[in-house]
């Protein structure tokens, strides 16, 4: 009987974790934005400023200071600040 209580406890814990992950995913959105990198920020063409989250891809992206890029990833609002967790990026060729 004790084994079943342990199993129910694990199932309940897994359900709570799944619910929290679902809520976190629902509060963020996948987005592709074109703009310029300035320090750890992406300044979009429309003037919106995104902080670049620290991760492997974001750390490589911020090396392209003053470069036009197209960035894809998740955007989350943290206390009024839009934080961009970058999943991929590409340098955009300037046609001017």
PDB file of N, CA and C in Angstrom:
ATOM      1  N   UNK A   1       0.814  -1.190   0.000  1.00  0.00           N
ATOM      2  CA  UNK A   1       0.000   0.000   0.000  1.00  0.00           C
ATOM      3  C   UNK A   1       0.862   1.261   0.000  1.00  0.00           C
ATOM      4  N   UNK A   2       1.999   1.223   0.692  1.00  0.00           N
ATOM      5  CA  UNK A   2       2.872   2.384   0.748  1.00  0.00           C
ATOM      6  C   UNK A   2       3.411   2.750  -0.630  1.00  0.00           C
ATOM      7  N   UNK A   3       3.669   1.743  -1.452  1.00  0.00           N
ATOM      8  CA  UNK A   3       4.170   2.005  -2.798  1.00  0.00           C
ATOM      9  C   UNK A   3       3.173   2.818  -3.604  1.00  0.00           C
ATOM     10  N   UNK A   4       1.896   2.597  -3.427  1.00  0.00           N
ATOM     11  CA  UNK A   4       0.880   3.334  -4.163  1.00  0.00           C
ATOM     12  C   UNK A   4       0.826   4.793  -3.718  1.00  0.00           C
ATOM     13  N   UNK A   5       1.030   5.054  -2.441  1.00  0.00           N
ATOM     14  CA  UNK A   5       1.049   6.436  -1.942  1.00  0.00           C
ATOM     15  C   UNK A   5       2.225   7.190  -2.561  1.00  0.00           C
ATOM     16  N   UNK A   6       3.370   6.529  -2.638  1.00  0.00           N
ATOM     17  CA  UNK A   6       4.546   7.152  -3.230  1.00  0.00           C
ATOM     18  C   UNK A   6       4.288   7.468  -4.702  1.00  0.00           C
ATOM     19  N   UNK A   7       3.672   6.518  -5.388  1.00  0.00           N
ATOM     20  CA  UNK A   7       3.369   6.699  -6.808  1.00  0.00           C
ATOM     21  C   UNK A   7       2.385   7.851  -7.016  1.00  0.00           C
ATOM     22  N   UNK A   8       1.358   7.922  -6.181  1.00  0.00           N
ATOM     23  CA  UNK A   8       0.395   9.031  -6.277  1.00  0.00           C
ATOM     24  C   UNK A   8       1.074  10.370  -5.995  1.00  0.00           C
ATOM     25  N   UNK A   9       1.987  10.376  -5.037  1.00  0.00           N
ATOM     26  CA  UNK A   9       2.725  11.605  -4.735  1.00  0.00           C
ATOM     27  C   UNK A   9       3.566  12.064  -5.913  1.00  0.00           C
ATOM     28  N   UNK A  10       4.232  11.113  -6.558  1.00  0.00           N
ATOM     29  CA  UNK A  10       5.043  11.443  -7.740  1.00  0.00           C
ATOM     30  C   UNK A  10       4.168  11.946  -8.881  1.00  0.00           C
ATOM     31  N   UNK A  11       3.013  11.318  -9.080  1.00  0.00           N
ATOM     32  CA  UNK A  11       2.099  11.751 -10.144  1.00  0.00           C
ATOM     33  C   UNK A  11       1.575  13.149  -9.859  1.00  0.00           C
ATOM     34  N   UNK A  12       1.267  13.443  -8.605  1.00  0.00           N
ATOM     35  CA  UNK A  12       0.797  14.786  -8.247  1.00  0.00           C
ATOM     36  C   UNK A  12       1.883  15.817  -8.475  1.00  0.00           C
ATOM     37  N   UNK A  13       3.116  15.484  -8.104  1.00  0.00           N
ATOM     38  CA  UNK A  13       4.239  16.402  -8.316  1.00  0.00           C
ATOM     39  C   UNK A  13       4.460  16.661  -9.798  1.00  0.00           C
ATOM     40  N   UNK A  14       4.384  15.612 -10.602  1.00  0.00           N
ATOM     41  CA  UNK A  14       4.550  15.765 -12.051  1.00  0.00           C
ATOM     42  C   UNK A  14       3.456  16.641 -12.628  1.00  0.00           C
ATOM     43  N   UNK A  15       2.237  16.505 -12.138  1.00  0.00           N
ATOM     44  CA  UNK A  15       1.127  17.325 -12.629  1.00  0.00           C
ATOM     45  C   UNK A  15       1.348  18.794 -12.299  1.00  0.00           C
ATOM     46  N   UNK A  16       1.859  19.082 -11.112  1.00  0.00           N
ATOM     47  CA  UNK A  16       2.126  20.471 -10.722  1.00  0.00           C
ATOM     48  C   UNK A  16       3.221  21.060 -11.601  1.00  0.00           C
ATOM     49  N   UNK A  17       4.284  20.314 -11.831  1.00  0.00           N
ATOM     50  CA  UNK A  17       5.374  20.797 -12.687  1.00  0.00           C
ATOM     51  C   UNK A  17       4.862  21.058 -14.096  1.00  0.00           C
ATOM     52  N   UNK A  18       4.067  20.153 -14.641  1.00  0.00           N
ATOM     53  CA  UNK A  18       3.510  20.333 -15.981  1.00  0.00           C
ATOM     54  C   UNK A  18       2.644  21.582 -16.043  1.00  0.00           C
ATOM     55  N   UNK A  19       1.855  21.832 -15.022  1.00  0.00           N
ATOM     56  CA  UNK A  19       1.001  23.018 -14.980  1.00  0.00           C
ATOM     57  C   UNK A  19       1.848  24.296 -14.967  1.00  0.00           C
ATOM     58  N   UNK A  20       2.921  24.305 -14.180  1.00  0.00           N
ATOM     59  CA  UNK A  20       3.773  25.489 -14.111  1.00  0.00           C
ATOM     60  C   UNK A  20       4.480  25.752 -15.434  1.00  0.00           C
ATOM     61  N   UNK A  21       4.931  24.695 -16.097  1.00  0.00           N
ATOM     62  CA  UNK A  21       5.583  24.853 -17.402  1.00  0.00           C
ATOM     63  C   UNK A  21       4.583  25.385 -18.419  1.00  0.00           C
ATOM     64  N   UNK A  22       3.360  24.897 -18.391  1.00  0.00           N
ATOM     65  CA  UNK A  22       2.323  25.355 -19.316  1.00  0.00           C
ATOM     66  C   UNK A  22       2.008  26.826 -19.090  1.00  0.00           C
ATOM     67  N   UNK A  23       1.911  27.235 -17.841  1.00  0.00           N
ATOM     68  CA  UNK A  23       1.645  28.648 -17.526  1.00  0.00           C
ATOM     69  C   UNK A  23       2.792  29.519 -18.006  1.00  0.00           C
ATOM     70  N   UNK A  24       4.030  29.088 -17.785  1.00  0.00           N
ATOM     71  CA  UNK A  24       5.188  29.861 -18.231  1.00  0.00           C
ATOM     72  C   UNK A  24       5.212  29.986 -19.744  1.00  0.00           C
ATOM     73  N   UNK A  25       4.910  28.913 -20.457  1.00  0.00           N
ATOM     74  CA  UNK A  25       4.901  28.952 -21.921  1.00  0.00           C
ATOM     75  C   UNK A  25       3.787  29.846 -22.435  1.00  0.00           C
ATOM     76  N   UNK A  26       2.653  29.845 -21.757  1.00  0.00           N
ATOM     77  CA  UNK A  26       1.526  30.670 -22.196  1.00  0.00           C
ATOM     78  C   UNK A  26       1.799  32.150 -21.986  1.00  0.00           C
ATOM     79  N   UNK A  27       2.656  32.492 -21.013  1.00  0.00           N
ATOM     80  CA  UNK A  27       2.930  33.899 -20.736  1.00  0.00           C
ATOM     81  C   UNK A  27       4.018  34.463 -21.646  1.00  0.00           C
ATOM     82  N   UNK A  28       4.642  33.630 -22.450  1.00  0.00           N
ATOM     83  CA  UNK A  28       5.645  34.100 -23.395  1.00  0.00           C
ATOM     84  C   UNK A  28       5.148  33.814 -24.807  1.00  0.00           C
ATOM     85  N   UNK A  29       5.781  34.454 -25.759  1.00  0.00           N
ATOM     86  CA  UNK A  29       5.382  34.250 -27.140  1.00  0.00           C
ATOM     87  C   UNK A  29       6.607  34.053 -28.002  1.00  0.00           C
ATOM     88  N   UNK A  30       6.479  33.226 -29.039  1.00  0.00           N
ATOM     89  CA  UNK A  30       7.570  33.052 -29.992  1.00  0.00           C
ATOM     90  C   UNK A  30       7.470  34.186 -30.990  1.00  0.00           C
ATOM     91  N   UNK A  31       8.590  34.806 -31.262  1.00  0.00           N
ATOM     92  CA  UNK A  31       8.604  36.024 -32.056  1.00  0.00           C
ATOM     93  C   UNK A  31       9.863  36.072 -32.899  1.00  0.00           C
ATOM     94  N   UNK A  32       9.768  36.673 -34.070  1.00  0.00           N
ATOM     95  CA  UNK A  32      10.935  36.987 -34.885  1.00  0.00           C
ATOM     96  C   UNK A  32      10.968  38.496 -35.060  1.00  0.00           C
ATOM     97  N   UNK A  33      12.104  39.088 -34.709  1.00  0.00           N
ATOM     98  CA  UNK A  33      12.251  40.547 -34.727  1.00  0.00           C
ATOM     99  C   UNK A  33      13.526  40.900 -35.471  1.00  0.00           C
ATOM    100  N   UNK A  34      13.448  41.946 -36.263  1.00  0.00           N
ATOM    101  CA  UNK A  34      14.625  42.470 -36.942  1.00  0.00           C
ATOM    102  C   UNK A  34      15.022  43.764 -36.262  1.00  0.00           C
ATOM    103  N   UNK A  35      16.309  43.916 -36.010  1.00  0.00           N
ATOM    104  CA  UNK A  35      16.772  45.136 -35.358  1.00  0.00           C
ATOM    105  C   UNK A  35      18.287  45.157 -35.259  1.00  0.00           C
ATOM    106  N   UNK A  36      18.784  46.014 -34.372  1.00  0.00           N
ATOM    107  CA  UNK A  36      20.213  46.228 -34.200  1.00  0.00           C
ATOM    108  C   UNK A  36      20.606  45.876 -32.771  1.00  0.00           C
ATOM    109  N   UNK A  37      21.759  45.236 -32.630  1.00  0.00           N
ATOM    110  CA  UNK A  37      22.267  44.868 -31.317  1.00  0.00           C
ATOM    111  C   UNK A  37      23.069  46.031 -30.735  1.00  0.00           C
ATOM    112  N   UNK A  38      22.721  46.400 -29.511  1.00  0.00           N
ATOM    113  CA  UNK A  38      23.469  47.419 -28.770  1.00  0.00           C
ATOM    114  C   UNK A  38      23.661  46.857 -27.366  1.00  0.00           C
ATOM    115  N   UNK A  39      24.910  46.485 -27.034  1.00  0.00           N
ATOM    116  CA  UNK A  39      25.226  45.811 -25.769  1.00  0.00           C
ATOM    117  C   UNK A  39      24.369  44.563 -25.642  1.00  0.00           C
ATOM    118  N   UNK A  40      23.693  44.359 -24.527  1.00  0.00           N
ATOM    119  CA  UNK A  40      22.830  43.183 -24.360  1.00  0.00           C
ATOM    120  C   UNK A  40      21.387  43.516 -24.684  1.00  0.00           C
ATOM    121  N   UNK A  41      21.178  44.400 -25.670  1.00  0.00           N
ATOM    122  CA  UNK A  41      19.831  44.789 -26.070  1.00  0.00           C
ATOM    123  C   UNK A  41      19.663  44.652 -27.579  1.00  0.00           C
ATOM    124  N   UNK A  42      18.430  44.328 -27.958  1.00  0.00           N
ATOM    125  CA  UNK A  42      18.028  44.343 -29.363  1.00  0.00           C
ATOM    126  C   UNK A  42      17.093  45.522 -29.518  1.00  0.00           C
ATOM    127  N   UNK A  43      17.463  46.475 -30.369  1.00  0.00           N
ATOM    128  CA  UNK A  43      16.600  47.615 -30.662  1.00  0.00           C
ATOM    129  C   UNK A  43      15.921  47.312 -31.991  1.00  0.00           C
ATOM    130  N   UNK A  44      14.619  47.031 -31.911  1.00  0.00           N
ATOM    131  CA  UNK A  44      13.850  46.635 -33.089  1.00  0.00           C
ATOM    132  C   UNK A  44      13.648  47.821 -34.027  1.00  0.00           C
ATOM    133  N   UNK A  45      13.295  47.517 -35.256  1.00  0.00           N
ATOM    134  CA  UNK A  45      13.053  48.547 -36.264  1.00  0.00           C
ATOM    135  C   UNK A  45      11.958  49.516 -35.828  1.00  0.00           C
ATOM    136  N   UNK A  46      10.986  49.033 -35.036  1.00  0.00           N
ATOM    137  CA  UNK A  46       9.901  49.902 -34.570  1.00  0.00           C
ATOM    138  C   UNK A  46      10.252  50.666 -33.293  1.00  0.00           C
ATOM    139  N   UNK A  47      11.500  50.517 -32.819  1.00  0.00           N
ATOM    140  CA  UNK A  47      11.945  51.233 -31.630  1.00  0.00           C
ATOM    141  C   UNK A  47      11.804  50.463 -30.330  1.00  0.00           C
ATOM    142  N   UNK A  48      11.112  49.323 -30.359  1.00  0.00           N
ATOM    143  CA  UNK A  48      10.956  48.498 -29.152  1.00  0.00           C
ATOM    144  C   UNK A  48      12.324  47.971 -28.717  1.00  0.00           C
ATOM    145  N   UNK A  49      12.590  48.017 -27.425  1.00  0.00           N
ATOM    146  CA  UNK A  49      13.863  47.541 -26.892  1.00  0.00           C
ATOM    147  C   UNK A  49      13.633  46.248 -26.130  1.00  0.00           C
ATOM    148  N   UNK A  50      14.451  45.245 -26.439  1.00  0.00           N
ATOM    149  CA  UNK A  50      14.402  43.946 -25.771  1.00  0.00           C
ATOM    150  C   UNK A  50      15.749  43.686 -25.103  1.00  0.00           C
ATOM    151  N   UNK A  51      15.727  43.257 -23.861  1.00  0.00           N
ATOM    152  CA  UNK A  51      16.940  42.780 -23.205  1.00  0.00           C
ATOM    153  C   UNK A  51      17.210  41.380 -23.742  1.00  0.00           C
ATOM    154  N   UNK A  52      18.461  41.061 -24.017  1.00  0.00           N
ATOM    155  CA  UNK A  52      18.822  39.727 -24.488  1.00  0.00           C
ATOM    156  C   UNK A  52      19.132  38.861 -23.270  1.00  0.00           C
ATOM    157  N   UNK A  53      18.389  37.764 -23.123  1.00  0.00           N
ATOM    158  CA  UNK A  53      18.622  36.846 -22.009  1.00  0.00           C
ATOM    159  C   UNK A  53      19.987  36.180 -22.164  1.00  0.00           C
ATOM    160  N   UNK A  54      20.601  35.911 -21.044  1.00  0.00           N
ATOM    161  CA  UNK A  54      21.903  35.255 -21.051  1.00  0.00           C
ATOM    162  C   UNK A  54      21.697  33.757 -21.281  1.00  0.00           C
ATOM    163  N   UNK A  55      22.171  33.284 -22.427  1.00  0.00           N
ATOM    164  CA  UNK A  55      22.246  31.861 -22.760  1.00  0.00           C
ATOM    165  C   UNK A  55      23.305  31.729 -23.845  1.00  0.00           C
ATOM    166  N   UNK A  56      23.611  30.532 -24.286  1.00  0.00           N
ATOM    167  CA  UNK A  56      24.689  30.342 -25.273  1.00  0.00           C
ATOM    168  C   UNK A  56      24.443  31.126 -26.554  1.00  0.00           C
ATOM    169  N   UNK A  57      23.231  31.062 -27.083  1.00  0.00           N
ATOM    170  CA  UNK A  57      22.916  31.741 -28.349  1.00  0.00           C
ATOM    171  C   UNK A  57      22.915  33.259 -28.142  1.00  0.00           C
ATOM    172  N   UNK A  58      22.308  33.728 -27.065  1.00  0.00           N
ATOM    173  CA  UNK A  58      22.281  35.162 -26.770  1.00  0.00           C
ATOM    174  C   UNK A  58      23.678  35.725 -26.586  1.00  0.00           C
ATOM    175  N   UNK A  59      24.550  34.958 -25.931  1.00  0.00           N
ATOM    176  CA  UNK A  59      25.931  35.414 -25.728  1.00  0.00           C
ATOM    177  C   UNK A  59      26.686  35.554 -27.040  1.00  0.00           C
ATOM    178  N   UNK A  60      26.407  34.666 -28.001  1.00  0.00           N
ATOM    179  CA  UNK A  60      27.040  34.801 -29.329  1.00  0.00           C
ATOM    180  C   UNK A  60      26.446  35.987 -30.088  1.00  0.00           C
ATOM    181  N   UNK A  61      25.134  36.176 -29.953  1.00  0.00           N
ATOM    182  CA  UNK A  61      24.443  37.256 -30.663  1.00  0.00           C
ATOM    183  C   UNK A  61      24.984  38.623 -30.267  1.00  0.00           C
ATOM    184  N   UNK A  62      25.225  38.842 -28.983  1.00  0.00           N
ATOM    185  CA  UNK A  62      25.614  40.182 -28.533  1.00  0.00           C
ATOM    186  C   UNK A  62      27.010  40.582 -28.999  1.00  0.00           C
ATOM    187  N   UNK A  63      27.733  39.656 -29.606  1.00  0.00           N
ATOM    188  CA  UNK A  63      29.030  40.007 -30.203  1.00  0.00           C
ATOM    189  C   UNK A  63      28.855  40.834 -31.479  1.00  0.00           C
ATOM    190  N   UNK A  64      27.636  40.883 -32.041  1.00  0.00           N
ATOM    191  CA  UNK A  64      27.365  41.606 -33.280  1.00  0.00           C
ATOM    192  C   UNK A  64      26.876  43.024 -32.987  1.00  0.00           C
ATOM    193  N   UNK A  65      27.603  43.756 -32.158  1.00  0.00           N
ATOM    194  CA  UNK A  65      27.229  45.121 -31.780  1.00  0.00           C
ATOM    195  C   UNK A  65      27.144  45.994 -33.031  1.00  0.00           C
ATOM    196  N   UNK A  66      26.111  46.828 -33.096  1.00  0.00           N
ATOM    197  CA  UNK A  66      25.855  47.737 -34.220  1.00  0.00           C
ATOM    198  C   UNK A  66      25.610  47.001 -35.538  1.00  0.00           C
ATOM    199  N   UNK A  67      25.156  45.762 -35.459  1.00  0.00           N
ATOM    200  CA  UNK A  67      24.880  44.954 -36.642  1.00  0.00           C
ATOM    201  C   UNK A  67      23.381  44.682 -36.717  1.00  0.00           C
ATOM    202  N   UNK A  68      22.853  44.737 -37.928  1.00  0.00           N
ATOM    203  CA  UNK A  68      21.432  44.438 -38.142  1.00  0.00           C
ATOM    204  C   UNK A  68      21.259  42.918 -38.156  1.00  0.00           C
ATOM    205  N   UNK A  69      20.301  42.426 -37.350  1.00  0.00           N
ATOM    206  CA  UNK A  69      20.079  40.993 -37.216  1.00  0.00           C
ATOM    207  C   UNK A  69      18.591  40.678 -37.240  1.00  0.00           C
ATOM    208  N   UNK A  70      18.275  39.426 -37.537  1.00  0.00           N
ATOM    209  CA  UNK A  70      16.913  38.905 -37.428  1.00  0.00           C
ATOM    210  C   UNK A  70      16.974  37.823 -36.353  1.00  0.00           C
ATOM    211  N   UNK A  71      16.201  38.014 -35.283  1.00  0.00           N
ATOM    212  CA  UNK A  71      16.286  37.172 -34.092  1.00  0.00           C
ATOM    213  C   UNK A  71      14.953  36.458 -33.867  1.00  0.00           C
ATOM    214  N   UNK A  72      15.014  35.168 -33.539  1.00  0.00           N
ATOM    215  CA  UNK A  72      13.815  34.385 -33.208  1.00  0.00           C
ATOM    216  C   UNK A  72      13.998  33.790 -31.822  1.00  0.00           C
ATOM    217  N   UNK A  73      12.896  33.814 -31.058  1.00  0.00           N
ATOM    218  CA  UNK A  73      12.943  33.229 -29.724  1.00  0.00           C
ATOM    219  C   UNK A  73      11.693  33.556 -28.945  1.00  0.00           C
ATOM    220  N   UNK A  74      11.798  33.442 -27.628  1.00  0.00           N
ATOM    221  CA  UNK A  74      10.689  33.707 -26.726  1.00  0.00           C
ATOM    222  C   UNK A  74      10.846  35.076 -26.097  1.00  0.00           C
ATOM    223  N   UNK A  75       9.748  35.799 -25.967  1.00  0.00           N
ATOM    224  CA  UNK A  75       9.751  37.093 -25.294  1.00  0.00           C
ATOM    225  C   UNK A  75       8.898  36.963 -24.045  1.00  0.00           C
ATOM    226  N   UNK A  76       9.459  37.387 -22.933  1.00  0.00           N
ATOM    227  CA  UNK A  76       8.728  37.389 -21.676  1.00  0.00           C
ATOM    228  C   UNK A  76       8.796  38.784 -21.078  1.00  0.00           C
ATOM    229  N   UNK A  77       7.744  39.172 -20.416  1.00  0.00           N
ATOM    230  CA  UNK A  77       7.681  40.462 -19.760  1.00  0.00           C
ATOM    231  C   UNK A  77       8.055  40.257 -18.303  1.00  0.00           C
ATOM    232  N   UNK A  78       9.177  40.816 -17.889  1.00  0.00           N
ATOM    233  CA  UNK A  78       9.646  40.702 -16.508  1.00  0.00           C
ATOM    234  C   UNK A  78       9.657  42.084 -15.882  1.00  0.00           C
ATOM    235  N   UNK A  79       8.634  42.351 -15.080  1.00  0.00           N
ATOM    236  CA  UNK A  79       8.506  43.643 -14.396  1.00  0.00           C
ATOM    237  C   UNK A  79       8.560  44.816 -15.373  1.00  0.00           C
ATOM    238  N   UNK A  80       7.852  44.684 -16.506  1.00  0.00           N
ATOM    239  CA  UNK A  80       7.776  45.753 -17.483  1.00  0.00           C
ATOM    240  C   UNK A  80       8.918  45.781 -18.484  1.00  0.00           C
ATOM    241  N   UNK A  81       9.863  44.872 -18.356  1.00  0.00           N
ATOM    242  CA  UNK A  81      10.999  44.800 -19.274  1.00  0.00           C
ATOM    243  C   UNK A  81      10.819  43.580 -20.161  1.00  0.00           C
ATOM    244  N   UNK A  82      10.900  43.771 -21.475  1.00  0.00           N
ATOM    245  CA  UNK A  82      10.767  42.651 -22.413  1.00  0.00           C
ATOM    246  C   UNK A  82      12.127  41.962 -22.536  1.00  0.00           C
ATOM    247  N   UNK A  83      12.140  40.687 -22.179  1.00  0.00           N
ATOM    248  CA  UNK A  83      13.369  39.892 -22.209  1.00  0.00           C
ATOM    249  C   UNK A  83      13.249  38.867 -23.328  1.00  0.00           C
ATOM    250  N   UNK A  84      14.205  38.890 -24.247  1.00  0.00           N
ATOM    251  CA  UNK A  84      14.213  38.029 -25.425  1.00  0.00           C
ATOM    252  C   UNK A  84      15.177  36.869 -25.172  1.00  0.00           C
ATOM    253  N   UNK A  85      14.646  35.653 -25.094  1.00  0.00           N
ATOM    254  CA  UNK A  85      15.479  34.457 -25.009  1.00  0.00           C
ATOM    255  C   UNK A  85      15.661  33.948 -26.425  1.00  0.00           C
ATOM    256  N   UNK A  86      16.851  34.108 -26.941  1.00  0.00           N
ATOM    257  CA  UNK A  86      17.140  33.859 -28.355  1.00  0.00           C
ATOM    258  C   UNK A  86      17.313  32.360 -28.607  1.00  0.00           C
ATOM    259  N   UNK A  87      16.593  31.853 -29.617  1.00  0.00           N
ATOM    260  CA  UNK A  87      16.789  30.471 -30.035  1.00  0.00           C
ATOM    261  C   UNK A  87      17.595  30.406 -31.329  1.00  0.00           C
ATOM    262  N   UNK A  88      17.491  31.455 -32.163  1.00  0.00           N
ATOM    263  CA  UNK A  88      18.299  31.521 -33.388  1.00  0.00           C
ATOM    264  C   UNK A  88      18.385  32.971 -33.853  1.00  0.00           C
ATOM    265  N   UNK A  89      19.376  33.232 -34.692  1.00  0.00           N
ATOM    266  CA  UNK A  89      19.535  34.576 -35.254  1.00  0.00           C
ATOM    267  C   UNK A  89      20.298  34.478 -36.566  1.00  0.00           C
ATOM    268  N   UNK A  90      20.181  35.541 -37.358  1.00  0.00           N
ATOM    269  CA  UNK A  90      20.977  35.653 -38.572  1.00  0.00           C
ATOM    270  C   UNK A  90      21.301  37.110 -38.808  1.00  0.00           C
ATOM    271  N   UNK A  91      22.459  37.366 -39.376  1.00  0.00           N
ATOM    272  CA  UNK A  91      22.857  38.719 -39.722  1.00  0.00           C
ATOM    273  C   UNK A  91      22.127  39.095 -41.000  1.00  0.00           C
ATOM    274  N   UNK A  92      21.542  40.300 -41.003  1.00  0.00           N
ATOM    275  CA  UNK A  92      20.792  40.779 -42.159  1.00  0.00           C
ATOM    276  C   UNK A  92      21.703  41.671 -42.995  1.00  0.00           C
ATOM    277  N   UNK A  93      21.784  41.377 -44.276  1.00  0.00           N
ATOM    278  CA  UNK A  93      22.614  42.168 -45.171  1.00  0.00           C
ATOM    279  C   UNK A  93      22.005  43.538 -45.387  1.00  0.00           C
ATOM    280  N   UNK A  94      22.802  44.573 -45.284  1.00  0.00           N
ATOM    281  CA  UNK A  94      22.349  45.934 -45.494  1.00  0.00           C
ATOM    282  C   UNK A  94      22.384  46.219 -46.997  1.00  0.00           C
ATOM    283  N   UNK A  95      21.239  46.524 -47.587  1.00  0.00           N
ATOM    284  CA  UNK A  95      21.145  46.760 -49.026  1.00  0.00           C
ATOM    285  C   UNK A  95      21.283  48.226 -49.409  1.00  0.00           C
ATOM    286  N   UNK A  96      21.726  49.051 -48.484  1.00  0.00           N
ATOM    287  CA  UNK A  96      21.832  50.486 -48.808  1.00  0.00           C
ATOM    288  C   UNK A  96      23.159  50.829 -49.424  1.00  0.00           C
TER     289      UNK A  96
END
